Amino acid sequence: MGKKHIILKTDEELIREREAVEAGVQRAVTAIKPIVKKLANAQVHILASYNNVIVSLTDEDGNVMAWSSSGTLGFRGSKKATPFAASRVAEAVAEKGKTLGVVSVSVFVKGIGSGRESAIRSLASHGLDIRAIQDVTPIPHNGPRPRKPRRV
C-alpha cells in the first residue's frame, strides 16, 4: 500500500489552472462558425461516465451542430468527471447554441457519472428553455435464457 502523498498546490498554480480552463471555454465558444440554418428547437445529449463528460447539441434529426467535452476544455485526469467540469462543458455548448439561435432544448442523459445534474442546471442557467429531460442509460436485463449444457 505504501504511504499516501498529499500534493498541496500553491495559489499561483491554482490560478494558472483556472485560467487555462477559462481559456479552453473561450476557445471552444469562438471556434464555432455561425451556420445559416437557425435552430429554434434542439436536443442536448449528455454522456456522463466515470472518466469524462461529453455534451452534444443536435438538431431534431440528430445531426450534431456543436459538442464539447471536459477534456477539450483543459481538464485532466480525475477532474474531467467532476460536476464542476460538467457545468463548464454545458456552459460552452449553451454558448455555441446561442450563436446558432437555439431557444429550447430536450435533454437526453446517458451514463452514471457525477456530472449529470450539474450539466442540466448549467444549461438552464445559461438561458436555454428545457422542454424535457429523459434518461437513456442502457440497463442490462441478463438477456435470453442460455442453451442447455452439452453432454459429452
N, C-alpha and C. Protein backbone atom coordinates (compact mmCIF):
# COMPACT_ATOMS: atom_id res chain seq x y z
N MET A 1 0.83 -1.18 0.00
CA MET A 1 0.00 0.00 0.00
C MET A 1 0.87 1.25 0.00
N GLY A 2 1.83 1.33 0.91
CA GLY A 2 2.74 2.47 0.90
C GLY A 2 2.13 3.69 1.56
N LYS A 3 2.93 4.75 1.61
CA LYS A 3 2.48 6.00 2.21
C LYS A 3 1.65 6.78 1.21
N LYS A 4 0.73 7.54 1.72
CA LYS A 4 -0.08 8.39 0.86
C LYS A 4 0.59 9.75 0.78
N HIS A 5 0.75 10.23 -0.43
CA HIS A 5 1.38 11.53 -0.65
C HIS A 5 0.29 12.56 -0.89
N ILE A 6 0.33 13.64 -0.17
CA ILE A 6 -0.62 14.72 -0.33
C ILE A 6 0.08 15.84 -1.07
N ILE A 7 -0.48 16.20 -2.21
CA ILE A 7 0.12 17.25 -3.03
C ILE A 7 -0.63 18.54 -2.74
N LEU A 8 0.07 19.52 -2.26
CA LEU A 8 -0.51 20.82 -1.98
C LEU A 8 -0.11 21.77 -3.09
N LYS A 9 -1.09 22.38 -3.72
CA LYS A 9 -0.81 23.32 -4.78
C LYS A 9 -0.80 24.73 -4.21
N THR A 10 0.06 25.55 -4.77
CA THR A 10 0.12 26.94 -4.34
C THR A 10 -0.99 27.72 -5.01
N ASP A 11 -1.20 28.92 -4.52
CA ASP A 11 -2.25 29.77 -5.08
C ASP A 11 -1.97 30.10 -6.54
N GLU A 12 -0.70 30.31 -6.87
CA GLU A 12 -0.36 30.63 -8.26
C GLU A 12 -0.69 29.47 -9.19
N GLU A 13 -0.44 28.24 -8.76
CA GLU A 13 -0.75 27.09 -9.59
C GLU A 13 -2.25 26.94 -9.78
N LEU A 14 -3.03 27.16 -8.72
CA LEU A 14 -4.48 27.08 -8.82
C LEU A 14 -5.04 28.16 -9.75
N ILE A 15 -4.50 29.36 -9.66
CA ILE A 15 -4.94 30.45 -10.53
C ILE A 15 -4.59 30.14 -11.98
N ARG A 16 -3.38 29.60 -12.20
CA ARG A 16 -2.96 29.24 -13.56
C ARG A 16 -3.86 28.16 -14.15
N GLU A 17 -4.24 27.18 -13.30
CA GLU A 17 -5.12 26.10 -13.76
C GLU A 17 -6.50 26.62 -14.11
N ARG A 18 -7.04 27.52 -13.29
CA ARG A 18 -8.35 28.11 -13.56
C ARG A 18 -8.32 28.95 -14.85
N GLU A 19 -7.23 29.70 -15.06
CA GLU A 19 -7.12 30.49 -16.29
C GLU A 19 -7.05 29.60 -17.51
N ALA A 20 -6.40 28.44 -17.39
CA ALA A 20 -6.33 27.51 -18.52
C ALA A 20 -7.72 26.98 -18.86
N VAL A 21 -8.53 26.69 -17.84
CA VAL A 21 -9.88 26.20 -18.07
C VAL A 21 -10.73 27.30 -18.72
N GLU A 22 -10.62 28.53 -18.21
CA GLU A 22 -11.37 29.64 -18.79
C GLU A 22 -10.98 29.87 -20.24
N ALA A 23 -9.68 29.76 -20.55
CA ALA A 23 -9.23 29.92 -21.92
C ALA A 23 -9.77 28.81 -22.81
N GLY A 24 -9.86 27.60 -22.27
CA GLY A 24 -10.43 26.49 -23.03
C GLY A 24 -11.89 26.72 -23.36
N VAL A 25 -12.66 27.27 -22.41
CA VAL A 25 -14.06 27.57 -22.66
C VAL A 25 -14.18 28.63 -23.75
N GLN A 26 -13.37 29.68 -23.67
CA GLN A 26 -13.42 30.74 -24.67
C GLN A 26 -13.02 30.23 -26.05
N ARG A 27 -11.99 29.34 -26.09
CA ARG A 27 -11.56 28.75 -27.36
C ARG A 27 -12.67 27.92 -27.98
N ALA A 28 -13.37 27.16 -27.13
CA ALA A 28 -14.45 26.30 -27.63
C ALA A 28 -15.61 27.12 -28.15
N VAL A 29 -15.91 28.24 -27.51
CA VAL A 29 -17.04 29.06 -27.93
C VAL A 29 -16.73 29.81 -29.22
N THR A 30 -15.51 30.33 -29.35
CA THR A 30 -15.17 31.11 -30.53
C THR A 30 -14.83 30.24 -31.73
N ALA A 31 -14.65 28.93 -31.53
CA ALA A 31 -14.28 28.07 -32.65
C ALA A 31 -15.44 27.80 -33.59
N ILE A 32 -16.68 27.95 -33.11
CA ILE A 32 -17.82 27.63 -33.95
C ILE A 32 -18.14 28.79 -34.89
N LYS A 33 -18.47 28.45 -36.13
CA LYS A 33 -18.86 29.45 -37.11
C LYS A 33 -20.37 29.47 -37.18
N PRO A 34 -20.98 30.65 -37.23
CA PRO A 34 -22.43 30.69 -37.33
C PRO A 34 -22.90 30.03 -38.62
N ILE A 35 -23.87 29.15 -38.50
CA ILE A 35 -24.41 28.44 -39.65
C ILE A 35 -25.67 29.17 -40.10
N VAL A 36 -25.94 29.13 -41.39
CA VAL A 36 -27.09 29.83 -41.92
C VAL A 36 -28.38 29.25 -41.35
N LYS A 37 -28.42 27.93 -41.14
CA LYS A 37 -29.61 27.27 -40.61
C LYS A 37 -29.77 27.62 -39.14
N LYS A 38 -30.87 28.29 -38.82
CA LYS A 38 -31.14 28.66 -37.44
C LYS A 38 -32.02 27.60 -36.80
N LEU A 39 -31.67 27.19 -35.61
CA LEU A 39 -32.42 26.18 -34.88
C LEU A 39 -33.20 26.85 -33.76
N ALA A 40 -34.50 26.63 -33.69
CA ALA A 40 -35.27 27.11 -32.56
C ALA A 40 -35.32 26.02 -31.49
N ASN A 41 -35.57 24.79 -31.93
CA ASN A 41 -35.64 23.65 -31.03
C ASN A 41 -34.47 22.73 -31.32
N ALA A 42 -33.87 22.18 -30.28
CA ALA A 42 -32.71 21.30 -30.46
C ALA A 42 -32.74 20.23 -29.38
N GLN A 43 -31.79 19.31 -29.48
CA GLN A 43 -31.62 18.27 -28.49
C GLN A 43 -30.22 18.38 -27.91
N VAL A 44 -30.10 18.13 -26.61
CA VAL A 44 -28.80 18.09 -25.96
C VAL A 44 -28.61 16.69 -25.40
N HIS A 45 -27.53 16.04 -25.82
CA HIS A 45 -27.21 14.69 -25.35
C HIS A 45 -26.02 14.81 -24.39
N ILE A 46 -26.22 14.35 -23.17
CA ILE A 46 -25.18 14.42 -22.13
C ILE A 46 -24.72 13.00 -21.84
N LEU A 47 -23.44 12.73 -22.05
CA LEU A 47 -22.86 11.43 -21.70
C LEU A 47 -21.94 11.66 -20.51
N ALA A 48 -22.35 11.17 -19.35
CA ALA A 48 -21.60 11.36 -18.11
C ALA A 48 -21.08 10.01 -17.65
N SER A 49 -19.80 9.75 -17.89
CA SER A 49 -19.20 8.50 -17.45
C SER A 49 -18.35 8.76 -16.22
N TYR A 50 -17.69 7.72 -15.74
CA TYR A 50 -16.80 7.89 -14.58
C TYR A 50 -15.55 8.66 -14.94
N ASN A 51 -15.21 8.75 -16.22
CA ASN A 51 -13.95 9.36 -16.62
C ASN A 51 -14.08 10.67 -17.36
N ASN A 52 -15.25 10.98 -17.92
CA ASN A 52 -15.37 12.14 -18.78
C ASN A 52 -16.82 12.57 -18.85
N VAL A 53 -17.05 13.78 -19.36
CA VAL A 53 -18.39 14.29 -19.63
C VAL A 53 -18.38 14.85 -21.04
N ILE A 54 -19.30 14.37 -21.88
CA ILE A 54 -19.40 14.84 -23.26
C ILE A 54 -20.82 15.36 -23.46
N VAL A 55 -20.94 16.59 -23.98
CA VAL A 55 -22.23 17.20 -24.23
C VAL A 55 -22.31 17.54 -25.72
N SER A 56 -23.37 17.07 -26.39
CA SER A 56 -23.56 17.32 -27.81
C SER A 56 -24.88 18.05 -28.02
N LEU A 57 -24.86 19.03 -28.91
CA LEU A 57 -26.05 19.77 -29.30
C LEU A 57 -26.43 19.32 -30.71
N THR A 58 -27.63 18.78 -30.86
CA THR A 58 -28.06 18.28 -32.17
C THR A 58 -29.36 18.95 -32.57
N ASP A 59 -29.68 18.85 -33.87
CA ASP A 59 -30.98 19.32 -34.32
C ASP A 59 -32.01 18.22 -34.05
N GLU A 60 -33.23 18.42 -34.50
CA GLU A 60 -34.30 17.46 -34.23
C GLU A 60 -34.04 16.10 -34.89
N ASP A 61 -33.27 16.09 -36.00
CA ASP A 61 -32.97 14.84 -36.70
C ASP A 61 -31.80 14.08 -36.09
N GLY A 62 -31.06 14.70 -35.19
CA GLY A 62 -29.92 14.05 -34.56
C GLY A 62 -28.58 14.41 -35.17
N ASN A 63 -28.55 15.39 -36.08
CA ASN A 63 -27.29 15.84 -36.67
C ASN A 63 -26.58 16.77 -35.69
N VAL A 64 -25.33 16.46 -35.38
CA VAL A 64 -24.59 17.22 -34.37
C VAL A 64 -24.22 18.60 -34.91
N MET A 65 -24.60 19.63 -34.16
CA MET A 65 -24.28 21.01 -34.53
C MET A 65 -23.12 21.56 -33.71
N ALA A 66 -23.02 21.15 -32.46
CA ALA A 66 -21.94 21.60 -31.59
C ALA A 66 -21.74 20.56 -30.50
N TRP A 67 -20.51 20.44 -30.03
CA TRP A 67 -20.23 19.50 -28.96
C TRP A 67 -19.02 20.00 -28.18
N SER A 68 -18.86 19.45 -27.00
CA SER A 68 -17.70 19.76 -26.17
C SER A 68 -17.55 18.67 -25.13
N SER A 69 -16.34 18.52 -24.62
CA SER A 69 -16.09 17.57 -23.54
C SER A 69 -15.17 18.22 -22.53
N SER A 70 -15.08 17.61 -21.37
CA SER A 70 -14.24 18.21 -20.33
C SER A 70 -12.77 18.10 -20.69
N GLY A 71 -12.39 17.13 -21.50
CA GLY A 71 -11.01 17.03 -21.94
C GLY A 71 -10.62 18.14 -22.90
N THR A 72 -11.56 18.56 -23.76
CA THR A 72 -11.24 19.64 -24.70
C THR A 72 -11.15 20.99 -24.01
N LEU A 73 -11.74 21.11 -22.84
CA LEU A 73 -11.68 22.38 -22.10
C LEU A 73 -10.45 22.49 -21.23
N GLY A 74 -9.64 21.44 -21.18
CA GLY A 74 -8.39 21.53 -20.44
C GLY A 74 -8.38 20.81 -19.11
N PHE A 75 -9.45 20.11 -18.77
CA PHE A 75 -9.44 19.34 -17.54
C PHE A 75 -8.64 18.07 -17.76
N ARG A 76 -7.88 17.66 -16.75
CA ARG A 76 -7.02 16.50 -16.86
C ARG A 76 -7.33 15.49 -15.78
N GLY A 77 -7.17 14.22 -16.10
CA GLY A 77 -7.26 13.15 -15.11
C GLY A 77 -8.63 13.03 -14.47
N SER A 78 -8.63 12.90 -13.17
CA SER A 78 -9.88 12.67 -12.45
C SER A 78 -10.74 13.92 -12.37
N LYS A 79 -10.21 15.10 -12.71
CA LYS A 79 -11.01 16.33 -12.69
C LYS A 79 -12.01 16.38 -13.83
N LYS A 80 -11.81 15.53 -14.86
CA LYS A 80 -12.70 15.55 -16.01
C LYS A 80 -14.11 15.08 -15.67
N ALA A 81 -14.26 14.25 -14.65
CA ALA A 81 -15.56 13.68 -14.33
C ALA A 81 -16.26 14.40 -13.18
N THR A 82 -15.80 15.57 -12.80
CA THR A 82 -16.39 16.29 -11.67
C THR A 82 -17.62 17.08 -12.11
N PRO A 83 -18.51 17.41 -11.18
CA PRO A 83 -19.66 18.25 -11.53
C PRO A 83 -19.26 19.64 -12.03
N PHE A 84 -18.15 20.18 -11.51
CA PHE A 84 -17.70 21.49 -11.99
C PHE A 84 -17.32 21.42 -13.46
N ALA A 85 -16.60 20.39 -13.85
CA ALA A 85 -16.22 20.23 -15.26
C ALA A 85 -17.47 20.06 -16.12
N ALA A 86 -18.44 19.31 -15.64
CA ALA A 86 -19.67 19.10 -16.41
C ALA A 86 -20.43 20.41 -16.62
N SER A 87 -20.45 21.26 -15.59
CA SER A 87 -21.14 22.54 -15.75
C SER A 87 -20.41 23.43 -16.74
N ARG A 88 -19.07 23.38 -16.75
CA ARG A 88 -18.30 24.17 -17.71
C ARG A 88 -18.53 23.69 -19.14
N VAL A 89 -18.62 22.37 -19.32
CA VAL A 89 -18.86 21.81 -20.65
C VAL A 89 -20.24 22.22 -21.14
N ALA A 90 -21.25 22.12 -20.27
CA ALA A 90 -22.60 22.51 -20.65
C ALA A 90 -22.68 24.00 -20.95
N GLU A 91 -21.92 24.80 -20.21
CA GLU A 91 -21.88 26.23 -20.45
C GLU A 91 -21.31 26.53 -21.84
N ALA A 92 -20.24 25.84 -22.21
CA ALA A 92 -19.63 26.05 -23.53
C ALA A 92 -20.61 25.67 -24.65
N VAL A 93 -21.31 24.55 -24.48
CA VAL A 93 -22.27 24.11 -25.50
C VAL A 93 -23.46 25.07 -25.56
N ALA A 94 -23.89 25.59 -24.42
CA ALA A 94 -25.00 26.55 -24.41
C ALA A 94 -24.62 27.82 -25.15
N GLU A 95 -23.39 28.28 -24.97
CA GLU A 95 -22.93 29.47 -25.69
C GLU A 95 -22.87 29.22 -27.19
N LYS A 96 -22.41 28.03 -27.58
CA LYS A 96 -22.41 27.67 -29.01
C LYS A 96 -23.83 27.62 -29.54
N GLY A 97 -24.75 27.10 -28.73
CA GLY A 97 -26.15 27.03 -29.14
C GLY A 97 -26.77 28.40 -29.31
N LYS A 98 -26.37 29.35 -28.48
CA LYS A 98 -26.88 30.71 -28.60
C LYS A 98 -26.49 31.31 -29.94
N THR A 99 -25.25 31.03 -30.41
CA THR A 99 -24.83 31.57 -31.70
C THR A 99 -25.60 30.92 -32.85
N LEU A 100 -26.12 29.70 -32.63
CA LEU A 100 -26.91 29.02 -33.65
C LEU A 100 -28.39 29.38 -33.57
N GLY A 101 -28.79 30.13 -32.56
CA GLY A 101 -30.17 30.55 -32.43
C GLY A 101 -31.06 29.58 -31.69
N VAL A 102 -30.48 28.71 -30.88
CA VAL A 102 -31.27 27.72 -30.13
C VAL A 102 -31.97 28.42 -28.96
N VAL A 103 -33.26 28.13 -28.81
CA VAL A 103 -34.04 28.71 -27.72
C VAL A 103 -34.42 27.65 -26.70
N SER A 104 -34.99 26.52 -27.18
CA SER A 104 -35.43 25.48 -26.27
C SER A 104 -34.80 24.15 -26.65
N VAL A 105 -34.58 23.30 -25.65
CA VAL A 105 -33.90 22.03 -25.87
C VAL A 105 -34.62 20.91 -25.13
N SER A 106 -34.46 19.71 -25.68
CA SER A 106 -34.82 18.49 -24.98
C SER A 106 -33.52 17.82 -24.57
N VAL A 107 -33.42 17.39 -23.33
CA VAL A 107 -32.17 16.87 -22.79
C VAL A 107 -32.27 15.36 -22.67
N PHE A 108 -31.26 14.65 -23.19
CA PHE A 108 -31.15 13.21 -23.06
C PHE A 108 -29.87 12.90 -22.30
N VAL A 109 -30.00 12.24 -21.15
CA VAL A 109 -28.86 11.98 -20.28
C VAL A 109 -28.53 10.50 -20.33
N LYS A 110 -27.25 10.19 -20.55
CA LYS A 110 -26.80 8.80 -20.57
C LYS A 110 -25.59 8.67 -19.67
N GLY A 111 -25.55 7.62 -18.86
CA GLY A 111 -24.40 7.37 -18.01
C GLY A 111 -24.70 7.61 -16.55
N ILE A 112 -23.73 7.22 -15.72
CA ILE A 112 -23.93 7.28 -14.27
C ILE A 112 -22.87 8.12 -13.59
N GLY A 113 -22.28 9.05 -14.31
CA GLY A 113 -21.25 9.89 -13.73
C GLY A 113 -21.81 10.94 -12.79
N SER A 114 -20.93 11.67 -12.16
CA SER A 114 -21.35 12.65 -11.15
C SER A 114 -21.76 13.98 -11.76
N GLY A 115 -21.58 14.17 -13.06
CA GLY A 115 -21.87 15.47 -13.67
C GLY A 115 -23.22 15.59 -14.32
N ARG A 116 -24.10 14.64 -14.10
CA ARG A 116 -25.40 14.64 -14.79
C ARG A 116 -26.24 15.87 -14.45
N GLU A 117 -26.51 16.06 -13.16
CA GLU A 117 -27.41 17.13 -12.76
C GLU A 117 -26.79 18.51 -12.93
N SER A 118 -25.50 18.62 -12.66
CA SER A 118 -24.88 19.94 -12.78
C SER A 118 -24.85 20.41 -14.23
N ALA A 119 -24.74 19.49 -15.18
CA ALA A 119 -24.77 19.88 -16.59
C ALA A 119 -26.16 20.40 -16.96
N ILE A 120 -27.20 19.75 -16.47
CA ILE A 120 -28.57 20.20 -16.77
C ILE A 120 -28.83 21.56 -16.14
N ARG A 121 -28.38 21.73 -14.90
CA ARG A 121 -28.56 23.02 -14.22
C ARG A 121 -27.83 24.14 -14.95
N SER A 122 -26.65 23.83 -15.47
CA SER A 122 -25.88 24.84 -16.19
C SER A 122 -26.56 25.23 -17.50
N LEU A 123 -27.16 24.25 -18.18
CA LEU A 123 -27.91 24.57 -19.40
C LEU A 123 -29.07 25.51 -19.09
N ALA A 124 -29.78 25.22 -18.02
CA ALA A 124 -30.93 26.05 -17.65
C ALA A 124 -30.50 27.45 -17.21
N SER A 125 -29.38 27.55 -16.52
CA SER A 125 -28.94 28.85 -16.02
C SER A 125 -28.37 29.74 -17.12
N HIS A 126 -28.03 29.16 -18.26
CA HIS A 126 -27.49 29.97 -19.36
C HIS A 126 -28.55 30.32 -20.39
N GLY A 127 -29.80 30.24 -20.01
CA GLY A 127 -30.86 30.79 -20.83
C GLY A 127 -31.53 29.83 -21.79
N LEU A 128 -31.21 28.56 -21.77
CA LEU A 128 -31.90 27.61 -22.63
C LEU A 128 -33.16 27.10 -21.92
N ASP A 129 -34.26 27.08 -22.64
CA ASP A 129 -35.52 26.59 -22.09
C ASP A 129 -35.54 25.07 -22.24
N ILE A 130 -35.60 24.36 -21.13
CA ILE A 130 -35.57 22.90 -21.15
C ILE A 130 -37.01 22.39 -21.24
N ARG A 131 -37.34 21.71 -22.36
CA ARG A 131 -38.67 21.19 -22.58
C ARG A 131 -38.86 19.84 -21.92
N ALA A 132 -37.85 18.96 -22.01
CA ALA A 132 -37.98 17.61 -21.47
C ALA A 132 -36.62 17.10 -21.07
N ILE A 133 -36.60 16.24 -20.05
CA ILE A 133 -35.38 15.56 -19.61
C ILE A 133 -35.68 14.07 -19.63
N GLN A 134 -34.84 13.32 -20.36
CA GLN A 134 -35.06 11.89 -20.49
C GLN A 134 -33.76 11.16 -20.19
N ASP A 135 -33.86 10.10 -19.39
CA ASP A 135 -32.69 9.27 -19.07
C ASP A 135 -32.66 8.10 -20.04
N VAL A 136 -31.60 8.00 -20.83
CA VAL A 136 -31.48 6.94 -21.84
C VAL A 136 -30.32 6.01 -21.52
N THR A 137 -29.99 5.87 -20.24
CA THR A 137 -28.92 4.97 -19.82
C THR A 137 -29.32 3.53 -20.10
N PRO A 138 -28.48 2.76 -20.80
CA PRO A 138 -28.84 1.38 -21.07
C PRO A 138 -28.83 0.55 -19.78
N ILE A 139 -29.83 -0.31 -19.64
CA ILE A 139 -29.96 -1.14 -18.44
C ILE A 139 -29.90 -2.61 -18.86
N PRO A 140 -28.96 -3.38 -18.34
CA PRO A 140 -28.90 -4.80 -18.73
C PRO A 140 -30.04 -5.58 -18.09
N HIS A 141 -30.53 -6.57 -18.81
CA HIS A 141 -31.60 -7.41 -18.27
C HIS A 141 -31.23 -8.90 -18.30
N ASN A 142 -29.94 -9.19 -18.45
CA ASN A 142 -29.36 -10.53 -18.42
C ASN A 142 -29.71 -11.38 -19.64
N GLY A 143 -30.37 -10.83 -20.63
CA GLY A 143 -30.56 -11.50 -21.91
C GLY A 143 -31.52 -12.68 -21.88
N PRO A 144 -31.57 -13.41 -22.99
CA PRO A 144 -32.46 -14.58 -23.05
C PRO A 144 -31.90 -15.76 -22.27
N ARG A 145 -32.70 -16.80 -22.18
CA ARG A 145 -32.30 -18.00 -21.45
C ARG A 145 -31.16 -18.68 -22.19
N PRO A 146 -30.12 -19.12 -21.48
CA PRO A 146 -28.99 -19.76 -22.16
C PRO A 146 -29.33 -21.16 -22.66
N ARG A 147 -28.52 -21.65 -23.60
CA ARG A 147 -28.70 -23.01 -24.11
C ARG A 147 -28.40 -24.03 -23.00
N LYS A 148 -29.01 -25.20 -23.16
CA LYS A 148 -28.72 -26.23 -22.17
C LYS A 148 -27.28 -26.73 -22.36
N PRO A 149 -26.61 -27.19 -21.29
CA PRO A 149 -25.21 -27.62 -21.42
C PRO A 149 -25.07 -28.87 -22.30
N ARG A 150 -23.98 -28.91 -23.02
CA ARG A 150 -23.72 -30.02 -23.94
C ARG A 150 -23.24 -31.23 -23.16
N ARG A 151 -23.81 -32.39 -23.44
CA ARG A 151 -23.39 -33.63 -22.78
C ARG A 151 -22.39 -34.36 -23.67
N VAL A 152 -21.27 -34.74 -23.10
CA VAL A 152 -20.24 -35.44 -23.89
C VAL A 152 -20.16 -36.88 -23.49
